[in-house]
PDB file of all heavy atoms in Angstrom:
ATOM      1  N   GLY A   1      -6.541  13.842  -4.924  1.00  0.00           N
ATOM      2  CA  GLY A   1      -6.502  15.237  -5.331  1.00  0.00           C
ATOM      3  C   GLY A   1      -7.739  15.634  -6.120  1.00  0.00           C
ATOM      4  O   GLY A   1      -8.370  14.799  -6.775  1.00  0.00           O
ATOM      5  N   GLN A   2      -8.076  16.914  -6.025  1.00  0.00           N
ATOM      6  CA  GLN A   2      -9.134  17.503  -6.841  1.00  0.00           C
ATOM      7  C   GLN A   2      -8.485  18.329  -7.946  1.00  0.00           C
ATOM      8  O   GLN A   2      -7.817  19.330  -7.672  1.00  0.00           O
ATOM      9  CB  GLN A   2     -10.045  18.403  -5.989  1.00  0.00           C
ATOM     10  CG  GLN A   2     -10.905  17.683  -4.978  1.00  0.00           C
ATOM     11  CD  GLN A   2     -12.093  16.967  -5.612  1.00  0.00           C
ATOM     12  OE1 GLN A   2     -12.191  16.858  -6.835  1.00  0.00           O
ATOM     13  NE2 GLN A   2     -12.992  16.478  -4.774  1.00  0.00           N
ATOM     14  N   TYR A   3      -8.653  17.895  -9.181  1.00  0.00           N
ATOM     15  CA  TYR A   3      -8.151  18.599 -10.354  1.00  0.00           C
ATOM     16  C   TYR A   3      -9.342  19.000 -11.218  1.00  0.00           C
ATOM     17  O   TYR A   3     -10.384  18.329 -11.186  1.00  0.00           O
ATOM     18  CB  TYR A   3      -7.213  17.696 -11.153  1.00  0.00           C
ATOM     19  CG  TYR A   3      -6.032  17.159 -10.371  1.00  0.00           C
ATOM     20  CD1 TYR A   3      -6.093  15.913  -9.762  1.00  0.00           C
ATOM     21  CD2 TYR A   3      -4.865  17.905 -10.241  1.00  0.00           C
ATOM     22  CE1 TYR A   3      -5.016  15.411  -9.043  1.00  0.00           C
ATOM     23  CE2 TYR A   3      -3.780  17.405  -9.531  1.00  0.00           C
ATOM     24  CZ  TYR A   3      -3.861  16.165  -8.929  1.00  0.00           C
ATOM     25  OH  TYR A   3      -2.791  15.676  -8.208  1.00  0.00           O
ATOM     26  N   PRO A   4      -9.233  20.066 -12.010  1.00  0.00           N
ATOM     27  CA  PRO A   4     -10.374  20.470 -12.847  1.00  0.00           C
ATOM     28  C   PRO A   4     -10.880  19.377 -13.778  1.00  0.00           C
ATOM     29  O   PRO A   4     -12.056  19.372 -14.150  1.00  0.00           O
ATOM     30  CB  PRO A   4      -9.823  21.666 -13.639  1.00  0.00           C
ATOM     31  CG  PRO A   4      -8.731  22.218 -12.776  1.00  0.00           C
ATOM     32  CD  PRO A   4      -8.117  21.023 -12.109  1.00  0.00           C
ATOM     33  N   ASP A   5      -9.996  18.439 -14.126  1.00  0.00           N
ATOM     34  CA  ASP A   5     -10.414  17.377 -15.054  1.00  0.00           C
ATOM     35  C   ASP A   5     -10.693  16.042 -14.369  1.00  0.00           C
ATOM     36  O   ASP A   5     -11.034  15.069 -15.045  1.00  0.00           O
ATOM     37  CB  ASP A   5      -9.367  17.189 -16.162  1.00  0.00           C
ATOM     38  CG  ASP A   5      -7.939  17.108 -15.636  1.00  0.00           C
ATOM     39  OD1 ASP A   5      -7.746  17.170 -14.405  1.00  0.00           O
ATOM     40  OD2 ASP A   5      -7.014  16.997 -16.467  1.00  0.00           O
ATOM     41  N   GLY A   6     -10.558  15.974 -13.039  1.00  0.00           N
ATOM     42  CA  GLY A   6     -10.854  14.698 -12.388  1.00  0.00           C
ATOM     43  C   GLY A   6     -10.524  14.676 -10.918  1.00  0.00           C
ATOM     44  O   GLY A   6      -9.736  15.493 -10.420  1.00  0.00           O
ATOM     45  N   THR A   7     -11.121  13.723 -10.229  1.00  0.00           N
ATOM     46  CA  THR A   7     -10.934  13.521  -8.793  1.00  0.00           C
ATOM     47  C   THR A   7     -10.230  12.180  -8.593  1.00  0.00           C
ATOM     48  O   THR A   7     -10.655  11.169  -9.161  1.00  0.00           O
ATOM     49  CB  THR A   7     -12.294  13.510  -8.070  1.00  0.00           C
ATOM     50  OG1 THR A   7     -12.936  14.767  -8.269  1.00  0.00           O
ATOM     51  CG2 THR A   7     -12.135  13.262  -6.580  1.00  0.00           C
ATOM     52  N   THR A   8      -9.165  12.158  -7.794  1.00  0.00           N
ATOM     53  CA  THR A   8      -8.412  10.926  -7.589  1.00  0.00           C
ATOM     54  C   THR A   8      -8.507  10.453  -6.145  1.00  0.00           C
ATOM     55  O   THR A   8      -8.789  11.219  -5.230  1.00  0.00           O
ATOM     56  CB  THR A   8      -6.931  11.105  -7.962  1.00  0.00           C
ATOM     57  OG1 THR A   8      -6.299  12.008  -7.042  1.00  0.00           O
ATOM     58  CG2 THR A   8      -6.792  11.643  -9.378  1.00  0.00           C
ATOM     59  N   ASP A   9      -8.256   9.155  -5.968  1.00  0.00           N
ATOM     60  CA  ASP A   9      -8.296   8.510  -4.648  1.00  0.00           C
ATOM     61  C   ASP A   9      -7.443   7.260  -4.753  1.00  0.00           C
ATOM     62  O   ASP A   9      -7.741   6.376  -5.569  1.00  0.00           O
ATOM     63  CB  ASP A   9      -9.748   8.173  -4.276  1.00  0.00           C
ATOM     64  CG  ASP A   9      -9.884   7.565  -2.884  1.00  0.00           C
ATOM     65  OD1 ASP A   9      -8.872   7.448  -2.165  1.00  0.00           O
ATOM     66  OD2 ASP A   9     -11.028   7.212  -2.515  1.00  0.00           O
ATOM     67  N   ILE A  10      -6.390   7.165  -3.952  1.00  0.00           N
ATOM     68  CA  ILE A  10      -5.454   6.055  -4.049  1.00  0.00           C
ATOM     69  C   ILE A  10      -4.942   5.709  -2.664  1.00  0.00           C
ATOM     70  O   ILE A  10      -4.697   6.601  -1.845  1.00  0.00           O
ATOM     71  CB  ILE A  10      -4.259   6.401  -4.983  1.00  0.00           C
ATOM     72  CG1 ILE A  10      -3.180   5.298  -4.910  1.00  0.00           C
ATOM     73  CG2 ILE A  10      -3.671   7.763  -4.668  1.00  0.00           C
ATOM     74  CD1 ILE A  10      -2.019   5.528  -5.848  1.00  0.00           C
ATOM     75  N   THR A  11      -4.783   4.410  -2.387  1.00  0.00           N
ATOM     76  CA  THR A  11      -4.129   3.976  -1.158  1.00  0.00           C
ATOM     77  C   THR A  11      -2.962   3.063  -1.508  1.00  0.00           C
ATOM     78  O   THR A  11      -3.108   2.156  -2.336  1.00  0.00           O
ATOM     79  CB  THR A  11      -5.089   3.196  -0.238  1.00  0.00           C
ATOM     80  OG1 THR A  11      -6.261   3.971  -0.016  1.00  0.00           O
ATOM     81  CG2 THR A  11      -4.432   2.899   1.102  1.00  0.00           C
ATOM     82  N   ARG A  12      -1.830   3.331  -0.881  1.00  0.00           N
ATOM     83  CA  ARG A  12      -0.686   2.445  -0.977  1.00  0.00           C
ATOM     84  C   ARG A  12      -0.196   2.117   0.432  1.00  0.00           C
ATOM     85  O   ARG A  12      -0.227   2.981   1.324  1.00  0.00           O
ATOM     86  CB  ARG A  12       0.451   3.075  -1.793  1.00  0.00           C
ATOM     87  CG  ARG A  12       0.168   3.116  -3.285  1.00  0.00           C
ATOM     88  CD  ARG A  12       0.036   1.729  -3.874  1.00  0.00           C
ATOM     89  NE  ARG A  12      -0.233   1.715  -5.313  1.00  0.00           N
ATOM     90  CZ  ARG A  12      -1.427   1.615  -5.852  1.00  0.00           C
ATOM     91  NH1 ARG A  12      -2.514   1.561  -5.064  1.00  0.00           N
ATOM     92  NH2 ARG A  12      -1.575   1.559  -7.154  1.00  0.00           N
ATOM     93  N   THR A  13       0.219   0.882   0.608  1.00  0.00           N
ATOM     94  CA  THR A  13       0.786   0.422   1.861  1.00  0.00           C
ATOM     95  C   THR A  13       2.253   0.095   1.602  1.00  0.00           C
ATOM     96  O   THR A  13       2.573  -0.618   0.646  1.00  0.00           O
ATOM     97  CB  THR A  13       0.046  -0.816   2.377  1.00  0.00           C
ATOM     98  OG1 THR A  13      -1.357  -0.511   2.469  1.00  0.00           O
ATOM     99  CG2 THR A  13       0.559  -1.234   3.739  1.00  0.00           C
ATOM    100  N   VAL A  14       3.127   0.623   2.456  1.00  0.00           N
ATOM    101  CA  VAL A  14       4.565   0.577   2.199  1.00  0.00           C
ATOM    102  C   VAL A  14       5.270  -0.039   3.408  1.00  0.00           C
ATOM    103  O   VAL A  14       4.915   0.251   4.560  1.00  0.00           O
ATOM    104  CB  VAL A  14       5.111   2.001   1.933  1.00  0.00           C
ATOM    105  CG1 VAL A  14       6.607   1.977   1.682  1.00  0.00           C
ATOM    106  CG2 VAL A  14       4.379   2.633   0.751  1.00  0.00           C
ATOM    107  N   TRP A  15       6.266  -0.855   3.141  1.00  0.00           N
ATOM    108  CA  TRP A  15       7.118  -1.381   4.204  1.00  0.00           C
ATOM    109  C   TRP A  15       8.314  -0.451   4.392  1.00  0.00           C
ATOM    110  O   TRP A  15       9.044  -0.155   3.438  1.00  0.00           O
ATOM    111  CB  TRP A  15       7.597  -2.799   3.875  1.00  0.00           C
ATOM    112  CG  TRP A  15       8.569  -3.344   4.893  1.00  0.00           C
ATOM    113  CD1 TRP A  15       9.908  -3.561   4.720  1.00  0.00           C
ATOM    114  CD2 TRP A  15       8.265  -3.703   6.237  1.00  0.00           C
ATOM    115  NE1 TRP A  15      10.462  -4.051   5.865  1.00  0.00           N
ATOM    116  CE2 TRP A  15       9.478  -4.156   6.832  1.00  0.00           C
ATOM    117  CE3 TRP A  15       7.104  -3.697   7.001  1.00  0.00           C
ATOM    118  CZ2 TRP A  15       9.558  -4.590   8.151  1.00  0.00           C
ATOM    119  CZ3 TRP A  15       7.171  -4.130   8.323  1.00  0.00           C
ATOM    120  CH2 TRP A  15       8.375  -4.566   8.882  1.00  0.00           C
ATOM    121  N   ILE A  16       8.493   0.030   5.627  1.00  0.00           N
ATOM    122  CA  ILE A  16       9.647   0.861   5.967  1.00  0.00           C
ATOM    123  C   ILE A  16      10.711  -0.072   6.541  1.00  0.00           C
ATOM    124  O   ILE A  16      10.570  -0.560   7.660  1.00  0.00           O
ATOM    125  CB  ILE A  16       9.267   1.952   6.995  1.00  0.00           C
ATOM    126  CG1 ILE A  16       8.055   2.756   6.502  1.00  0.00           C
ATOM    127  CG2 ILE A  16      10.466   2.854   7.269  1.00  0.00           C
ATOM    128  CD1 ILE A  16       8.260   3.526   5.231  1.00  0.00           C
ATOM    129  N   GLY A  17      11.762  -0.341   5.801  1.00  0.00           N
ATOM    130  CA  GLY A  17      12.810  -1.285   6.200  1.00  0.00           C
ATOM    131  C   GLY A  17      13.665  -0.785   7.360  1.00  0.00           C
ATOM    132  O   GLY A  17      13.183   0.003   8.172  1.00  0.00           O
ATOM    133  N   PRO A  18      14.900  -1.270   7.471  1.00  0.00           N
ATOM    134  CA  PRO A  18      15.659  -1.955   6.408  1.00  0.00           C
ATOM    135  C   PRO A  18      15.467  -3.470   6.356  1.00  0.00           C
ATOM    136  O   PRO A  18      15.782  -4.099   5.353  1.00  0.00           O
ATOM    137  CB  PRO A  18      17.111  -1.618   6.769  1.00  0.00           C
ATOM    138  CG  PRO A  18      17.094  -1.518   8.268  1.00  0.00           C
ATOM    139  CD  PRO A  18      15.760  -0.899   8.623  1.00  0.00           C
ATOM    140  N   ASP A  19      14.983  -4.079   7.427  1.00  0.00           N
ATOM    141  CA  ASP A  19      14.836  -5.528   7.430  1.00  0.00           C
ATOM    142  C   ASP A  19      13.664  -5.949   6.549  1.00  0.00           C
ATOM    143  O   ASP A  19      12.801  -5.134   6.199  1.00  0.00           O
ATOM    144  CB  ASP A  19      14.630  -6.046   8.849  1.00  0.00           C
ATOM    145  CG  ASP A  19      15.813  -5.752   9.761  1.00  0.00           C
ATOM    146  OD1 ASP A  19      16.910  -5.485   9.215  1.00  0.00           O
ATOM    147  OD2 ASP A  19      15.640  -5.770  10.992  1.00  0.00           O
ATOM    148  N   ALA A  20      13.606  -7.227   6.238  1.00  0.00           N
ATOM    149  CA  ALA A  20      12.486  -7.755   5.456  1.00  0.00           C
ATOM    150  C   ALA A  20      11.217  -7.743   6.294  1.00  0.00           C
ATOM    151  O   ALA A  20      11.249  -7.849   7.525  1.00  0.00           O
ATOM    152  CB  ALA A  20      12.804  -9.171   4.993  1.00  0.00           C
ATOM    153  N   ALA A  21      10.089  -7.597   5.631  1.00  0.00           N
ATOM    154  CA  ALA A  21       8.799  -7.603   6.330  1.00  0.00           C
ATOM    155  C   ALA A  21       8.546  -8.982   6.938  1.00  0.00           C
ATOM    156  O   ALA A  21       8.907 -10.011   6.346  1.00  0.00           O
ATOM    157  CB  ALA A  21       7.680  -7.244   5.366  1.00  0.00           C
ATOM    158  N   PRO A  22       7.916  -9.036   8.115  1.00  0.00           N
ATOM    159  CA  PRO A  22       7.596 -10.327   8.742  1.00  0.00           C
ATOM    160  C   PRO A  22       6.664 -11.153   7.865  1.00  0.00           C
ATOM    161  O   PRO A  22       5.874 -10.617   7.071  1.00  0.00           O
ATOM    162  CB  PRO A  22       6.916  -9.926  10.057  1.00  0.00           C
ATOM    163  CG  PRO A  22       7.336  -8.517  10.305  1.00  0.00           C
ATOM    164  CD  PRO A  22       7.522  -7.898   8.954  1.00  0.00           C
ATOM    165  N   ALA A  23       6.711 -12.458   8.049  1.00  0.00           N
ATOM    166  CA  ALA A  23       5.907 -13.369   7.235  1.00  0.00           C
ATOM    167  C   ALA A  23       4.424 -13.072   7.368  1.00  0.00           C
ATOM    168  O   ALA A  23       3.678 -13.126   6.372  1.00  0.00           O
ATOM    169  CB  ALA A  23       6.209 -14.814   7.629  1.00  0.00           C
ATOM    170  N   GLU A  24       3.947 -12.750   8.596  1.00  0.00           N
ATOM    171  CA  GLU A  24       2.517 -12.479   8.770  1.00  0.00           C
ATOM    172  C   GLU A  24       2.089 -11.263   7.961  1.00  0.00           C
ATOM    173  O   GLU A  24       1.038 -11.276   7.301  1.00  0.00           O
ATOM    174  CB  GLU A  24       2.196 -12.237  10.241  1.00  0.00           C
ATOM    175  CG  GLU A  24       0.715 -11.913  10.466  1.00  0.00           C
ATOM    176  CD  GLU A  24       0.435 -11.346  11.844  1.00  0.00           C
ATOM    177  OE1 GLU A  24       0.286 -12.148  12.771  1.00  0.00           O
ATOM    178  OE2 GLU A  24       0.355 -10.097  11.984  1.00  0.00           O
ATOM    179  N   VAL A  25       2.876 -10.207   8.002  1.00  0.00           N
ATOM    180  CA  VAL A  25       2.533  -8.984   7.273  1.00  0.00           C
ATOM    181  C   VAL A  25       2.483  -9.267   5.774  1.00  0.00           C
ATOM    182  O   VAL A  25       1.556  -8.836   5.067  1.00  0.00           O
ATOM    183  CB  VAL A  25       3.529  -7.858   7.599  1.00  0.00           C
ATOM    184  CG1 VAL A  25       3.263  -6.643   6.719  1.00  0.00           C
ATOM    185  CG2 VAL A  25       3.446  -7.472   9.071  1.00  0.00           C
ATOM    186  N   LYS A  26       3.465 -10.009   5.260  1.00  0.00           N
ATOM    187  CA  LYS A  26       3.485 -10.330   3.833  1.00  0.00           C
ATOM    188  C   LYS A  26       2.306 -11.212   3.454  1.00  0.00           C
ATOM    189  O   LYS A  26       1.703 -11.045   2.383  1.00  0.00           O
ATOM    190  CB  LYS A  26       4.814 -11.001   3.471  1.00  0.00           C
ATOM    191  CG  LYS A  26       6.016 -10.079   3.621  1.00  0.00           C
ATOM    192  CD  LYS A  26       7.321 -10.768   3.278  1.00  0.00           C
ATOM    193  CE  LYS A  26       7.462 -11.018   1.794  1.00  0.00           C
ATOM    194  NZ  LYS A  26       8.825 -11.510   1.450  1.00  0.00           N
ATOM    195  N   ASP A  27       1.951 -12.138   4.333  1.00  0.00           N
ATOM    196  CA  ASP A  27       0.790 -12.991   4.063  1.00  0.00           C
ATOM    197  C   ASP A  27      -0.479 -12.158   3.952  1.00  0.00           C
ATOM    198  O   ASP A  27      -1.265 -12.318   3.003  1.00  0.00           O
ATOM    199  CB  ASP A  27       0.651 -14.024   5.183  1.00  0.00           C
ATOM    200  CG  ASP A  27      -0.617 -14.863   5.035  1.00  0.00           C
ATOM    201  OD1 ASP A  27      -0.560 -15.897   4.348  1.00  0.00           O
ATOM    202  OD2 ASP A  27      -1.653 -14.466   5.605  1.00  0.00           O
ATOM    203  N   ARG A  28      -0.694 -11.258   4.917  1.00  0.00           N
ATOM    204  CA  ARG A  28      -1.914 -10.439   4.907  1.00  0.00           C
ATOM    205  C   ARG A  28      -1.930  -9.508   3.698  1.00  0.00           C
ATOM    206  O   ARG A  28      -2.959  -9.340   3.032  1.00  0.00           O
ATOM    207  CB  ARG A  28      -2.029  -9.619   6.193  1.00  0.00           C
ATOM    208  CG  ARG A  28      -2.007 -10.419   7.488  1.00  0.00           C
ATOM    209  CD  ARG A  28      -3.044 -11.531   7.524  1.00  0.00           C
ATOM    210  NE  ARG A  28      -3.192 -12.100   8.850  1.00  0.00           N
ATOM    211  CZ  ARG A  28      -2.783 -13.318   9.208  1.00  0.00           C
ATOM    212  NH1 ARG A  28      -2.166 -14.108   8.316  1.00  0.00           N
ATOM    213  NH2 ARG A  28      -2.982 -13.753  10.440  1.00  0.00           N
ATOM    214  N   PHE A  29      -0.792  -8.888   3.409  1.00  0.00           N
ATOM    215  CA  PHE A  29      -0.725  -7.979   2.266  1.00  0.00           C
ATOM    216  C   PHE A  29      -1.021  -8.727   0.973  1.00  0.00           C
ATOM    217  O   PHE A  29      -1.772  -8.242   0.108  1.00  0.00           O
ATOM    218  CB  PHE A  29       0.658  -7.327   2.183  1.00  0.00           C
ATOM    219  CG  PHE A  29       0.799  -6.333   1.064  1.00  0.00           C
ATOM    220  CD1 PHE A  29       0.490  -4.988   1.251  1.00  0.00           C
ATOM    221  CD2 PHE A  29       1.238  -6.727  -0.197  1.00  0.00           C
ATOM    222  CE1 PHE A  29       0.618  -4.068   0.215  1.00  0.00           C
ATOM    223  CE2 PHE A  29       1.362  -5.824  -1.236  1.00  0.00           C
ATOM    224  CZ  PHE A  29       1.052  -4.487  -1.024  1.00  0.00           C
ATOM    225  N   THR A  30      -0.451  -9.915   0.829  1.00  0.00           N
ATOM    226  CA  THR A  30      -0.627 -10.661  -0.416  1.00  0.00           C
ATOM    227  C   THR A  30      -2.059 -11.127  -0.569  1.00  0.00           C
ATOM    228  O   THR A  30      -2.600 -11.169  -1.690  1.00  0.00           O
ATOM    229  CB  THR A  30       0.356 -11.828  -0.475  1.00  0.00           C
ATOM    230  OG1 THR A  30       1.692 -11.346  -0.227  1.00  0.00           O
ATOM    231  CG2 THR A  30       0.325 -12.501  -1.840  1.00  0.00           C
ATOM    232  N   ARG A  31      -2.713 -11.484   0.521  1.00  0.00           N
ATOM    233  CA  ARG A  31      -4.131 -11.861   0.438  1.00  0.00           C
ATOM    234  C   ARG A  31      -4.973 -10.666   0.004  1.00  0.00           C
ATOM    235  O   ARG A  31      -5.921 -10.810  -0.786  1.00  0.00           O
ATOM    236  CB  ARG A  31      -4.614 -12.401   1.781  1.00  0.00           C
ATOM    237  CG  ARG A  31      -4.036 -13.766   2.121  1.00  0.00           C
ATOM    238  CD  ARG A  31      -4.503 -14.274   3.475  1.00  0.00           C
ATOM    239  NE  ARG A  31      -3.839 -15.529   3.809  1.00  0.00           N
ATOM    240  CZ  ARG A  31      -4.215 -16.735   3.387  1.00  0.00           C
ATOM    241  NH1 ARG A  31      -5.310 -16.839   2.627  1.00  0.00           N
ATOM    242  NH2 ARG A  31      -3.554 -17.812   3.717  1.00  0.00           N
ATOM    243  N   VAL A  32      -4.646  -9.487   0.519  1.00  0.00           N
ATOM    244  CA  VAL A  32      -5.346  -8.271   0.079  1.00  0.00           C
ATOM    245  C   VAL A  32      -5.072  -8.025  -1.401  1.00  0.00           C
ATOM    246  O   VAL A  32      -5.988  -7.698  -2.176  1.00  0.00           O
ATOM    247  CB  VAL A  32      -4.919  -7.066   0.938  1.00  0.00           C
ATOM    248  CG1 VAL A  32      -5.465  -5.760   0.356  1.00  0.00           C
ATOM    249  CG2 VAL A  32      -5.391  -7.233   2.381  1.00  0.00           C
ATOM    250  N   LEU A  33      -3.820  -8.183  -1.813  1.00  0.00           N
ATOM    251  CA  LEU A  33      -3.451  -7.982  -3.215  1.00  0.00           C
ATOM    252  C   LEU A  33      -4.190  -8.959  -4.123  1.00  0.00           C
ATOM    253  O   LEU A  33      -4.694  -8.582  -5.198  1.00  0.00           O
ATOM    254  CB  LEU A  33      -1.947  -8.134  -3.383  1.00  0.00           C
ATOM    255  CG  LEU A  33      -1.407  -8.062  -4.820  1.00  0.00           C
ATOM    256  CD1 LEU A  33      -1.740  -6.706  -5.456  1.00  0.00           C
ATOM    257  CD2 LEU A  33       0.103  -8.320  -4.842  1.00  0.00           C
TER     258      LEU A  33
END
C-alpha cells in the first residue's frame, strides 16, 4: 500500500486446506523460511 507516511510491500504464502500440506511443499517452504 501507498500511505502518506510510508510505502509497504509484503508477500505471504498460504496453504488452503483442509488436508495437511504435502511433504515437498512444506520442505520447500521451510527452506525459504
